[in-house]
Amino acid sequence: MSTPRTPTVDEAPGLSLPDLRRGAEAARADAEPFACLVSALGHPDLGRRSLLGTGLRLEWRSTRETSSSGGEGLLGSLRKAAADAFARGAQGLLLMATHEAVAEFESVPVHGDWLDLPRVQLWSVGRVQSAAAGPDAAGWGAPGWGAPGWGAPSAASAAAPELSLDERSGLDPTWHRAAVEQIREAIAAGRLYQLCLTFPVHLKPPTDPAALFAWLMLRHPVDHGAWIHLPGLEVLSASPERFVALRGRQVTARPMKGTRRLTPETAEAAMRDLAGSVKDRAENVMIADLVRNDLGRVCAPGSVRAEALWQIERYASVAQMTSTITGELRAGLDVFDLFAAAFPPGSMTGAPKLEACRMIHELERGPRGLYGGVIGWIDPSGDASFSVVIRTLQVREGRARWDVGGGIVHDSTAAAEWAEAQAKLGPLRDLLGRGALDAPMEG
């Protein structure tokens, strides 16, 4: 029997983010699987509507056996699972893919999966509550405790939630410096143009995920937030980056490259510096061009365009440089073709993409898990929105990690790249205390 369709925001205009928060926290308290996707800034063109999906059912996941079938076999399995789910009355699909899922599509080496996390998972959603994005929608608002939006904290959670480093913290500026130099040498030798170098910060699992996600959405609001609770996995994501979106036949990608740390005293100067940075513009346009090529594999000839380059977006602790690429999906293709053509996100690999993935395997010390992968929502209509998994806490089997990284180009310096990584750790720095993540690079 199919689950009755839950009214959308058009049918229930009073639904707001605090309503979704209460539903998500109740589901978490009952240990019920759910997916809550949050546009906490309320940008209708940059984000997606906010929604809470419950009644989750695992439809398909990759295994060692399915990995031998190749990319076409994987896409066929996803399509069949999606069709079966929608035929039963599913109100949406949650698709998650780890960075290591690149090996499902291409012949590149990857590290063993993090704690055996499936590379690709597809979950159907039986009930959806949604609220539209937009500055005038009820419940959206500016960051800050007590502001509208995800909702003011309870008295018990008024202080920043507890989070602490694991003894294996992962901060190693000596390794990072050596890796940056190896990348610069590879670029000079013509092996690649750019590589996204990342590393994990290991943490103890949070004691109160609900309070932590509320804090993230209030202090570091973004348009692609996600709180996902599944058997054996919890994800708290404060990602500002869209991977791809599909509306009808219209495809939009918004790769993000270029970062500056913001403080109240330096914000305006930092944003001007980022906007005028030749290095960051070059880094950004390399990835924008890579995304254009990816979309060209599945979009109508001549339809792929760079709508905007080098836009500066301001967030709570950083400014980001973003470009917008659009295209028209070719007739006969669907969201799964788009996913396969664009995956993994070029902003999290480098260029050329496959050679960058090979060097990531050589340099990085272990798997990324969902970091650098994607979280996607697919409507019954076929419309979809995917985010890049960055600024994200992954919790599994008593372990937790928050990864960070940045794009390395030939004129990068190890000190500057380490400083950028430190800037992206802003949410963690606020939670752990100003000194907890200090690991200065010598020299």
Protein backbone atom coordinates (compact mmCIF):
# COMPACT_ATOMS: atom_id res chain seq x y z
CA MET A 1 0.00 0.00 0.00
CA SER A 2 1.41 3.41 -0.90
CA THR A 3 1.82 6.10 1.71
CA PRO A 4 -0.69 8.99 1.35
CA ARG A 5 0.89 12.07 -0.13
CA THR A 6 1.81 14.73 2.40
CA PRO A 7 0.74 18.29 1.44
CA THR A 8 3.53 20.47 0.04
CA VAL A 9 4.19 24.04 1.12
CA ASP A 10 1.81 25.29 -1.60
CA GLU A 11 -0.97 23.38 0.13
CA ALA A 12 0.23 24.19 3.66
CA PRO A 13 1.78 27.68 3.43
CA GLY A 14 2.21 28.03 7.19
CA LEU A 15 4.88 25.31 7.43
CA SER A 16 8.21 26.71 8.60
CA LEU A 17 11.71 25.60 9.52
CA PRO A 18 10.88 25.29 13.24
CA ASP A 19 8.13 22.84 12.25
CA LEU A 20 10.67 20.74 10.38
CA ARG A 21 13.09 21.00 13.29
CA ARG A 22 10.51 19.68 15.74
CA GLY A 23 9.71 16.79 13.43
CA ALA A 24 13.37 15.90 12.90
CA GLU A 25 14.18 16.05 16.60
CA ALA A 26 11.18 13.87 17.41
CA ALA A 27 12.26 11.31 14.81
CA ARG A 28 15.80 11.33 16.19
CA ALA A 29 14.54 10.83 19.73
CA ASP A 30 12.54 7.82 18.52
CA ALA A 31 15.56 6.44 16.62
CA GLU A 32 13.55 6.69 13.40
CA PRO A 33 15.54 7.12 10.16
CA PHE A 34 15.00 10.50 8.52
CA ALA A 35 16.50 13.01 6.12
CA CYS A 36 16.14 16.73 6.78
CA LEU A 37 17.44 19.00 4.01
CA VAL A 38 17.61 22.64 5.03
CA SER A 39 17.94 25.90 3.12
CA ALA A 40 18.67 28.03 6.18
CA LEU A 41 19.49 31.18 4.17
CA GLY A 42 16.33 30.90 2.09
CA HIS A 43 17.82 31.76 -1.30
CA PRO A 44 15.28 30.37 -3.79
CA ASP A 45 17.73 30.45 -6.68
CA LEU A 46 20.81 29.22 -4.81
CA GLY A 47 19.31 26.53 -2.59
CA ARG A 48 16.44 24.12 -2.56
CA ARG A 49 13.25 24.00 -0.57
CA SER A 50 13.65 22.67 2.94
CA LEU A 51 12.09 19.30 3.66
CA LEU A 52 11.84 16.53 6.22
CA GLY A 53 11.57 13.00 4.88
CA THR A 54 10.48 10.14 7.13
CA GLY A 55 9.34 6.60 6.49
CA LEU A 56 12.70 5.81 4.87
CA ARG A 57 13.33 2.49 3.17
CA LEU A 58 16.62 1.29 1.71
CA GLU A 59 16.00 0.60 -1.98
CA TRP A 60 19.52 -0.14 -3.19
CA ARG A 61 23.15 0.14 -2.15
CA SER A 62 26.42 -0.77 -3.76
CA THR A 63 28.36 -3.80 -2.55
CA ARG A 64 31.61 -5.45 -3.53
CA GLU A 65 29.58 -7.67 -5.87
CA THR A 66 27.79 -4.79 -7.60
CA SER A 67 31.07 -2.91 -8.07
CA SER A 68 32.12 -5.43 -10.72
CA SER A 69 29.16 -4.47 -12.94
CA GLY A 70 30.59 -1.04 -13.84
CA GLY A 71 28.89 2.33 -14.16
CA GLU A 72 26.16 1.24 -16.57
CA GLY A 73 25.20 -1.63 -14.31
CA LEU A 74 25.03 0.72 -11.33
CA LEU A 75 22.84 3.21 -13.19
CA GLY A 76 20.54 0.43 -14.32
CA SER A 77 20.16 -0.76 -10.73
CA LEU A 78 19.43 2.77 -9.51
CA ARG A 79 16.82 3.37 -12.22
CA LYS A 80 15.02 0.12 -11.46
CA ALA A 81 15.07 0.75 -7.72
CA ALA A 82 13.78 4.31 -8.24
CA ALA A 83 11.00 3.19 -10.58
CA ASP A 84 9.90 0.47 -8.14
CA ALA A 85 9.90 2.93 -5.24
CA PHE A 86 7.83 5.54 -7.06
CA ALA A 87 5.42 2.86 -8.26
CA ARG A 88 4.80 2.03 -4.59
CA GLY A 89 4.00 5.67 -3.85
CA ALA A 90 7.35 7.00 -2.59
CA GLN A 91 7.29 10.78 -2.15
CA GLY A 92 10.98 11.23 -2.95
CA LEU A 93 14.37 9.59 -3.06
CA LEU A 94 17.56 10.26 -1.10
CA LEU A 95 20.74 9.43 -3.02
CA MET A 96 24.13 9.52 -1.32
CA ALA A 97 27.51 8.77 -2.89
CA THR A 98 30.93 8.77 -1.24
CA HIS A 99 34.09 10.08 -2.87
CA GLU A 100 35.22 6.47 -3.30
CA ALA A 101 32.20 5.87 -5.56
CA VAL A 102 34.28 7.28 -8.41
CA ALA A 103 35.69 3.75 -8.73
CA GLU A 104 32.17 2.55 -9.62
CA PHE A 105 32.33 4.61 -12.81
CA GLU A 106 35.99 4.92 -13.73
CA SER A 107 39.11 2.77 -13.48
CA VAL A 108 40.89 4.74 -10.77
CA PRO A 109 42.35 3.51 -7.47
CA VAL A 110 40.63 4.52 -4.23
CA HIS A 111 41.19 3.75 -0.58
CA GLY A 112 39.10 1.08 1.11
CA ASP A 113 35.67 2.35 2.14
CA TRP A 114 35.53 4.22 5.45
CA LEU A 115 34.20 1.77 8.04
CA ASP A 116 32.61 -0.20 5.16
CA LEU A 117 30.28 2.69 4.32
CA PRO A 118 28.44 1.81 1.06
CA ARG A 119 29.67 3.93 -1.81
CA VAL A 120 26.18 4.54 -3.21
CA GLN A 121 22.90 4.38 -1.28
CA LEU A 122 19.35 5.02 -2.50
CA TRP A 123 16.56 5.45 0.06
CA SER A 124 12.89 5.99 -0.65
CA VAL A 125 10.89 8.40 1.49
CA GLY A 126 7.30 7.62 2.44
CA ARG A 127 6.32 10.97 3.93
CA VAL A 128 7.57 14.45 3.11
CA GLN A 129 6.98 17.74 4.90
CA SER A 130 8.36 20.71 3.02
CA ALA A 131 8.75 24.46 3.23
CA ALA A 132 9.65 26.74 0.35
CA ALA A 133 12.87 28.73 0.28
CA GLY A 134 12.67 32.47 -0.01
CA PRO A 135 13.37 35.55 2.09
CA ASP A 136 9.69 36.08 2.87
CA ALA A 137 8.89 32.47 3.80
CA ALA A 138 7.85 31.94 7.40
CA GLY A 139 10.71 30.81 9.56
CA TRP A 140 13.69 31.98 7.50
CA GLY A 141 16.06 34.47 9.01
CA ALA A 142 19.51 35.74 9.77
CA PRO A 143 22.05 33.74 11.79
CA GLY A 144 22.33 34.17 15.52
CA TRP A 145 20.82 32.65 18.63
CA GLY A 146 17.20 33.64 19.01
CA ALA A 147 16.86 34.57 15.34
CA PRO A 148 14.12 33.05 13.18
CA GLY A 149 15.14 30.25 10.88
CA TRP A 150 15.88 26.77 12.13
CA GLY A 151 14.48 28.02 15.42
CA ALA A 152 15.68 29.55 18.65
CA PRO A 153 17.48 27.08 20.89
CA SER A 154 15.94 25.69 24.01
CA ALA A 155 17.37 26.85 27.32
CA ALA A 156 19.25 23.57 27.59
CA SER A 157 21.03 24.16 24.31
CA ALA A 158 21.66 27.90 24.60
CA ALA A 159 25.38 27.25 25.02
CA ALA A 160 27.40 25.83 22.15
CA PRO A 161 26.95 22.03 22.13
CA GLU A 162 29.78 19.86 23.38
CA LEU A 163 32.25 18.50 20.87
CA SER A 164 35.81 17.34 21.47
CA LEU A 165 38.80 16.16 19.49
CA ASP A 166 39.69 12.50 19.28
CA GLU A 167 43.24 11.69 20.31
CA ARG A 168 44.03 11.04 16.61
CA SER A 169 43.05 14.60 15.70
CA GLY A 170 44.54 14.40 12.19
CA LEU A 171 46.06 17.89 12.12
CA ASP A 172 49.50 17.45 10.56
CA PRO A 173 50.98 20.57 8.93
CA THR A 174 54.22 18.71 8.12
CA TRP A 175 52.36 16.16 5.98
CA HIS A 176 50.31 18.94 4.40
CA ARG A 177 53.39 20.96 3.43
CA ALA A 178 55.03 17.93 1.81
CA ALA A 179 51.84 17.06 -0.09
CA VAL A 180 51.45 20.61 -1.41
CA GLU A 181 55.01 20.51 -2.73
CA GLN A 182 54.41 17.16 -4.45
CA ILE A 183 51.31 18.58 -6.13
CA ARG A 184 53.22 21.65 -7.33
CA GLU A 185 55.90 19.37 -8.78
CA ALA A 186 53.25 17.29 -10.55
CA ILE A 187 51.70 20.43 -12.01
CA ALA A 188 55.11 21.65 -13.20
CA ALA A 189 55.66 18.26 -14.87
CA GLY A 190 52.34 18.55 -16.74
CA ARG A 191 50.52 15.80 -14.89
CA LEU A 192 47.61 18.00 -13.81
CA TYR A 193 46.51 21.62 -13.36
CA GLN A 194 44.97 21.56 -9.90
CA LEU A 195 44.32 19.11 -7.08
CA CYS A 196 41.97 19.34 -4.10
CA LEU A 197 43.98 18.13 -1.12
CA THR A 198 41.97 17.17 1.96
CA PHE A 199 42.35 15.63 5.39
CA PRO A 200 40.03 14.60 8.25
CA VAL A 201 39.82 16.05 11.73
CA HIS A 202 38.90 13.17 14.03
CA LEU A 203 36.37 13.90 16.76
CA LYS A 204 34.46 12.12 19.46
CA PRO A 205 30.81 11.56 18.43
CA PRO A 206 28.55 14.39 19.61
CA THR A 207 26.42 13.65 22.64
CA ASP A 208 23.54 15.77 21.30
CA PRO A 209 23.35 15.77 17.47
CA ALA A 210 20.08 17.73 17.54
CA ALA A 211 21.65 20.61 19.45
CA LEU A 212 24.73 20.51 17.24
CA PHE A 213 22.75 20.74 14.00
CA ALA A 214 20.58 23.54 15.41
CA TRP A 215 23.77 25.40 16.35
CA LEU A 216 25.22 24.92 12.86
CA MET A 217 22.11 26.20 11.12
CA LEU A 218 21.90 29.23 13.39
CA ARG A 219 25.57 30.19 13.56
CA HIS A 220 26.66 28.98 10.11
CA PRO A 221 23.50 28.98 7.95
CA VAL A 222 23.77 27.68 4.40
CA ASP A 223 21.44 26.75 1.55
CA HIS A 224 22.41 23.08 1.37
CA GLY A 225 22.32 21.93 4.98
CA ALA A 226 21.46 18.32 5.76
CA TRP A 227 20.77 16.29 8.88
CA ILE A 228 20.47 12.62 8.01
CA HIS A 229 19.98 9.80 10.49
CA LEU A 230 20.20 6.25 9.12
CA PRO A 231 21.03 2.89 10.67
CA GLY A 232 24.77 3.04 11.32
CA LEU A 233 25.27 6.55 9.94
CA GLU A 234 24.55 10.14 10.98
CA VAL A 235 25.40 13.14 8.82
CA LEU A 236 25.31 16.79 9.89
CA SER A 237 26.18 18.95 6.91
CA ALA A 238 26.59 22.72 6.64
CA SER A 239 27.45 22.72 2.95
CA PRO A 240 27.08 25.93 0.96
CA GLU A 241 27.77 24.26 -2.41
CA ARG A 242 25.37 22.98 -5.03
CA PHE A 243 26.64 20.05 -7.09
CA VAL A 244 23.91 19.94 -9.75
CA ALA A 245 20.19 20.66 -9.89
CA LEU A 246 17.65 19.52 -12.48
CA ARG A 247 14.34 21.31 -13.10
CA GLY A 248 12.49 19.93 -16.06
CA ARG A 249 15.34 19.73 -18.58
CA GLN A 250 17.28 22.70 -17.11
CA VAL A 251 20.59 21.77 -15.44
CA THR A 252 22.44 24.09 -13.06
CA ALA A 253 25.82 23.55 -11.41
CA ARG A 254 27.52 25.99 -9.03
CA PRO A 255 31.14 24.98 -8.42
CA MET A 256 32.82 26.77 -5.54
CA LYS A 257 36.55 27.52 -5.44
CA GLY A 258 38.26 30.34 -3.58
CA THR A 259 37.91 31.08 0.13
CA ARG A 260 38.72 33.85 2.59
CA ARG A 261 38.31 33.73 6.35
CA LEU A 262 36.04 36.48 7.67
CA THR A 263 36.10 38.32 10.95
CA PRO A 264 33.97 41.37 11.80
CA GLU A 265 37.05 43.57 11.48
CA THR A 266 38.40 42.20 8.20
CA ALA A 267 35.34 40.95 6.31
CA GLU A 268 35.01 43.72 3.72
CA ALA A 269 38.73 43.80 2.96
CA ALA A 270 38.86 39.99 2.72
CA MET A 271 35.97 39.92 0.26
CA ARG A 272 37.61 42.56 -1.91
CA ASP A 273 40.86 40.62 -1.81
CA LEU A 274 39.11 37.42 -2.90
CA ALA A 275 37.22 39.17 -5.69
CA GLY A 276 40.45 40.57 -7.12
CA SER A 277 42.66 37.51 -6.62
CA VAL A 278 44.20 36.32 -9.90
CA LYS A 279 45.12 32.99 -8.29
CA ASP A 280 41.62 32.30 -7.01
CA ARG A 281 40.03 33.31 -10.30
CA ALA A 282 42.34 30.95 -12.18
CA GLU A 283 41.58 28.15 -9.73
CA ASN A 284 37.85 28.78 -10.02
CA VAL A 285 37.73 28.96 -13.80
CA MET A 286 39.67 25.67 -14.11
CA ILE A 287 36.90 23.91 -12.21
CA ALA A 288 34.15 25.83 -14.01
CA ASP A 289 35.61 24.67 -17.32
CA LEU A 290 35.80 21.09 -16.02
CA VAL A 291 32.11 21.28 -15.05
CA ARG A 292 31.23 22.64 -18.50
CA ASN A 293 32.89 19.58 -20.02
CA ASP A 294 31.04 17.27 -17.62
CA LEU A 295 27.66 18.78 -18.48
CA GLY A 296 28.52 18.71 -22.18
CA ARG A 297 28.47 14.90 -21.99
CA VAL A 298 24.72 14.87 -21.28
CA CYS A 299 23.39 18.26 -22.35
CA ALA A 300 22.11 19.37 -25.75
CA PRO A 301 24.85 20.66 -28.05
CA GLY A 302 25.37 24.38 -27.64
CA SER A 303 23.23 24.62 -24.50
CA VAL A 304 26.02 24.61 -21.89
CA ARG A 305 26.86 28.13 -20.77
CA ALA A 306 28.82 29.89 -18.04
CA GLU A 307 26.04 32.13 -16.74
CA ALA A 308 28.27 33.80 -14.16
CA LEU A 309 31.91 33.60 -13.14
CA TRP A 310 33.68 34.60 -9.93
CA GLN A 311 30.68 35.60 -7.85
CA ILE A 312 31.51 36.30 -4.20
CA GLU A 313 29.16 34.87 -1.57
CA ARG A 314 29.39 35.80 2.08
CA TYR A 315 28.78 33.25 4.85
CA ALA A 316 29.16 33.42 8.61
CA SER A 317 32.89 32.69 8.79
CA VAL A 318 34.10 32.66 5.17
CA ALA A 319 33.61 34.25 1.77
CA GLN A 320 33.44 31.94 -1.25
CA MET A 321 34.00 32.42 -4.98
CA THR A 322 31.35 30.64 -7.06
CA SER A 323 30.53 30.25 -10.74
CA THR A 324 27.25 29.16 -12.33
CA ILE A 325 27.10 26.73 -15.27
CA THR A 326 23.82 25.80 -16.98
CA GLY A 327 22.67 23.49 -19.75
CA GLU A 328 19.69 21.59 -21.13
CA LEU A 329 19.62 17.85 -20.48
CA ARG A 330 19.34 15.92 -23.74
CA ALA A 331 16.09 14.15 -24.56
CA GLY A 332 16.06 10.54 -23.42
CA LEU A 333 18.43 11.12 -20.49
CA ASP A 334 17.52 11.42 -16.82
CA VAL A 335 18.87 12.52 -13.46
CA PHE A 336 20.96 9.38 -13.11
CA ASP A 337 22.76 10.14 -16.39
CA LEU A 338 23.43 13.64 -15.09
CA PHE A 339 24.72 12.29 -11.78
CA ALA A 340 27.10 9.88 -13.52
CA ALA A 341 28.41 12.50 -15.97
CA ALA A 342 29.22 15.08 -13.31
CA PHE A 343 30.40 12.81 -10.48
CA PRO A 344 32.59 13.23 -8.52
CA PRO A 345 32.37 17.00 -7.97
CA GLY A 346 35.24 18.63 -9.80
CA SER A 347 35.65 21.21 -7.06
CA MET A 348 36.63 18.34 -4.74
CA THR A 349 39.03 16.55 -7.10
CA GLY A 350 40.92 18.93 -9.34
CA ALA A 351 41.70 18.87 -13.04
CA PRO A 352 41.96 16.77 -15.08
CA LYS A 353 39.49 14.94 -12.87
CA LEU A 354 40.65 11.33 -13.21
CA GLU A 355 44.34 12.12 -12.89
CA ALA A 356 43.54 14.23 -9.85
CA CYS A 357 41.67 11.26 -8.35
CA ARG A 358 44.73 9.05 -8.89
CA MET A 359 46.96 11.55 -7.10
CA ILE A 360 44.44 11.94 -4.28
CA HIS A 361 44.82 8.20 -3.70
CA GLU A 362 48.60 8.59 -3.65
CA LEU A 363 48.71 11.53 -1.24
CA GLU A 364 45.77 11.31 1.12
CA ARG A 365 46.15 8.85 3.96
CA GLY A 366 42.74 7.19 3.84
CA PRO A 367 39.22 7.29 2.43
CA ARG A 368 37.07 10.41 2.52
CA GLY A 369 33.72 8.70 3.02
CA LEU A 370 30.87 11.04 2.10
CA TYR A 371 33.20 14.05 2.19
CA GLY A 372 33.77 15.18 -1.39
CA GLY A 373 30.79 13.08 -2.44
CA VAL A 374 27.17 14.16 -2.83
CA ILE A 375 23.79 14.16 -1.13
CA GLY A 376 20.87 14.29 -3.54
CA TRP A 377 17.09 14.58 -3.41
CA ILE A 378 14.98 13.34 -6.33
CA ASP A 379 11.29 14.21 -6.70
CA PRO A 380 8.74 11.88 -8.35
CA SER A 381 8.69 14.38 -11.26
CA GLY A 382 12.38 13.73 -11.91
CA ASP A 383 13.47 17.14 -10.65
CA ALA A 384 16.48 16.88 -8.36
CA SER A 385 18.97 18.84 -6.28
CA PHE A 386 22.39 17.59 -5.15
CA SER A 387 24.83 19.20 -2.74
CA VAL A 388 28.58 18.71 -2.46
CA VAL A 389 29.43 17.19 0.92
CA ILE A 390 31.73 19.73 2.56
CA ARG A 391 31.69 21.33 6.06
CA THR A 392 30.17 18.07 7.26
CA LEU A 393 30.32 15.83 10.32
CA GLN A 394 30.13 12.10 9.57
CA VAL A 395 29.39 9.77 12.50
CA ARG A 396 29.64 6.00 12.18
CA GLU A 397 30.44 3.10 14.52
CA GLY A 398 31.48 5.30 17.40
CA ARG A 399 33.73 7.50 15.27
CA ALA A 400 33.29 11.00 13.95
CA ARG A 401 35.15 13.12 11.41
CA TRP A 402 34.99 16.61 9.93
CA ASP A 403 37.10 16.93 6.78
CA VAL A 404 38.66 20.01 5.27
CA GLY A 405 40.70 20.81 2.18
CA GLY A 406 41.44 23.16 -0.66
CA GLY A 407 42.55 23.39 -4.28
CA ILE A 408 46.29 23.47 -4.92
CA VAL A 409 47.64 25.15 -8.07
CA HIS A 410 51.21 25.81 -9.18
CA ASP A 411 51.52 29.19 -7.48
CA SER A 412 50.04 27.93 -4.21
CA THR A 413 52.17 28.16 -1.09
CA ALA A 414 51.97 25.62 1.69
CA ALA A 415 51.48 28.33 4.32
CA ALA A 416 48.62 30.01 2.47
CA GLU A 417 46.86 26.72 1.78
CA TRP A 418 47.16 25.68 5.42
CA ALA A 419 45.69 29.03 6.42
CA GLU A 420 42.76 28.46 4.03
CA ALA A 421 42.13 25.04 5.54
CA GLN A 422 42.14 26.64 8.98
CA ALA A 423 39.59 29.20 7.77
CA LYS A 424 37.26 26.44 6.62
CA LEU A 425 37.43 24.94 10.10
CA GLY A 426 35.53 27.96 11.42
CA PRO A 427 32.49 26.02 12.71
CA LEU A 428 34.73 23.52 14.51
CA ARG A 429 36.90 26.29 15.91
CA ASP A 430 33.82 27.95 17.41
CA LEU A 431 32.75 24.68 19.00
CA LEU A 432 36.10 23.40 20.25
CA GLY A 433 37.58 26.68 21.40
CA ARG A 434 40.04 28.97 19.72
CA GLY A 435 43.15 27.05 20.68
CA ALA A 436 41.99 23.49 20.03
CA LEU A 437 42.76 23.50 16.31
CA ASP A 438 45.93 25.57 16.40
CA ALA A 439 48.60 23.67 14.51
CA PRO A 440 50.89 26.31 13.06
CA MET A 441 52.99 25.55 10.00
CA GLU A 442 56.63 26.20 10.66
CA GLY A 443 58.76 28.13 8.24
